[in-house]
Amino acid sequence: MAVELTIKLYRESETTENEDDSGLFCAQLTNDDSIIAGHGEDPYEALHDLVNELQFQHEYFRPD
């Protein structure tokens, strides 16, 4: 069984006026039914948090 994931990694801006504000990073996995996200002070921490969320919601990847 193979699972294909598309992850969007972006910086959350604290204000909408300046996109370079020092907001948190977000790693987001979206499918038709839900959004799973991880957050962190840098991209690696956000990805690590996303992996932890995926482990917590492991039934998401179980075959039907």
Protein backbone atom coordinates (compact mmCIF):
# COMPACT_ATOMS: atom_id res chain seq x y z
CA MET A 1 0.00 0.00 0.00
CA ALA A 2 1.30 3.47 -0.86
CA VAL A 3 0.23 6.75 0.62
CA GLU A 4 0.88 9.98 -1.24
CA LEU A 5 0.97 13.16 0.83
CA THR A 6 1.07 16.78 -0.21
CA ILE A 7 2.15 19.10 2.55
CA LYS A 8 1.85 22.88 2.40
CA LEU A 9 4.49 24.62 4.51
CA TYR A 10 4.11 28.33 5.11
CA ARG A 11 4.76 31.10 7.60
CA GLU A 12 1.72 32.36 9.47
CA SER A 13 1.89 36.14 9.48
CA GLU A 14 0.93 37.94 12.67
CA THR A 15 -0.53 40.77 10.60
CA THR A 16 -1.88 40.83 7.08
CA GLU A 17 0.00 44.04 6.24
CA ASN A 18 3.50 42.55 6.29
CA GLU A 19 4.01 38.96 5.18
CA ASP A 20 7.53 38.92 6.68
CA ASP A 21 6.33 39.21 10.28
CA SER A 22 7.81 36.72 12.69
CA GLY A 23 4.80 34.44 12.98
CA LEU A 24 4.82 30.70 13.48
CA PHE A 25 5.31 28.22 10.68
CA CYS A 26 2.54 25.84 9.70
CA ALA A 27 2.84 22.47 7.98
CA GLN A 28 -0.58 21.50 6.65
CA LEU A 29 -1.90 18.29 5.12
CA THR A 30 -5.33 18.62 3.49
CA ASN A 31 -7.60 16.04 2.01
CA ASP A 32 -11.27 16.12 1.03
CA ASP A 33 -12.48 15.43 4.58
CA SER A 34 -10.11 17.18 6.95
CA ILE A 35 -7.07 19.34 7.58
CA ILE A 36 -4.22 18.14 9.78
CA ALA A 37 -1.66 20.76 10.77
CA GLY A 38 1.50 21.15 12.80
CA HIS A 39 2.92 24.41 14.10
CA GLY A 40 6.36 25.53 15.18
CA GLU A 41 8.83 28.37 15.44
CA ASP A 42 10.72 27.07 12.40
CA PRO A 43 9.79 24.83 9.42
CA TYR A 44 11.39 21.72 10.96
CA GLU A 45 9.47 22.10 14.21
CA ALA A 46 6.23 22.54 12.24
CA LEU A 47 6.92 19.35 10.26
CA HIS A 48 7.78 17.47 13.45
CA ASP A 49 4.50 18.61 15.03
CA LEU A 50 2.63 17.51 11.90
CA VAL A 51 4.21 14.04 12.12
CA ASN A 52 3.12 13.83 15.77
CA GLU A 53 -0.43 14.75 14.75
CA LEU A 54 -0.37 12.06 12.04
CA GLN A 55 0.78 9.47 14.58
CA PHE A 56 -2.03 10.54 16.91
CA GLN A 57 -4.55 10.22 14.06
CA HIS A 58 -3.05 7.02 12.62
CA GLU A 59 -6.46 5.63 11.63
CA TYR A 60 -6.40 8.23 8.83
CA PHE A 61 -4.03 5.95 6.91
CA ARG A 62 -5.65 2.60 7.63
CA PRO A 63 -7.14 0.82 4.63
CA ASP A 64 -10.93 0.61 4.54
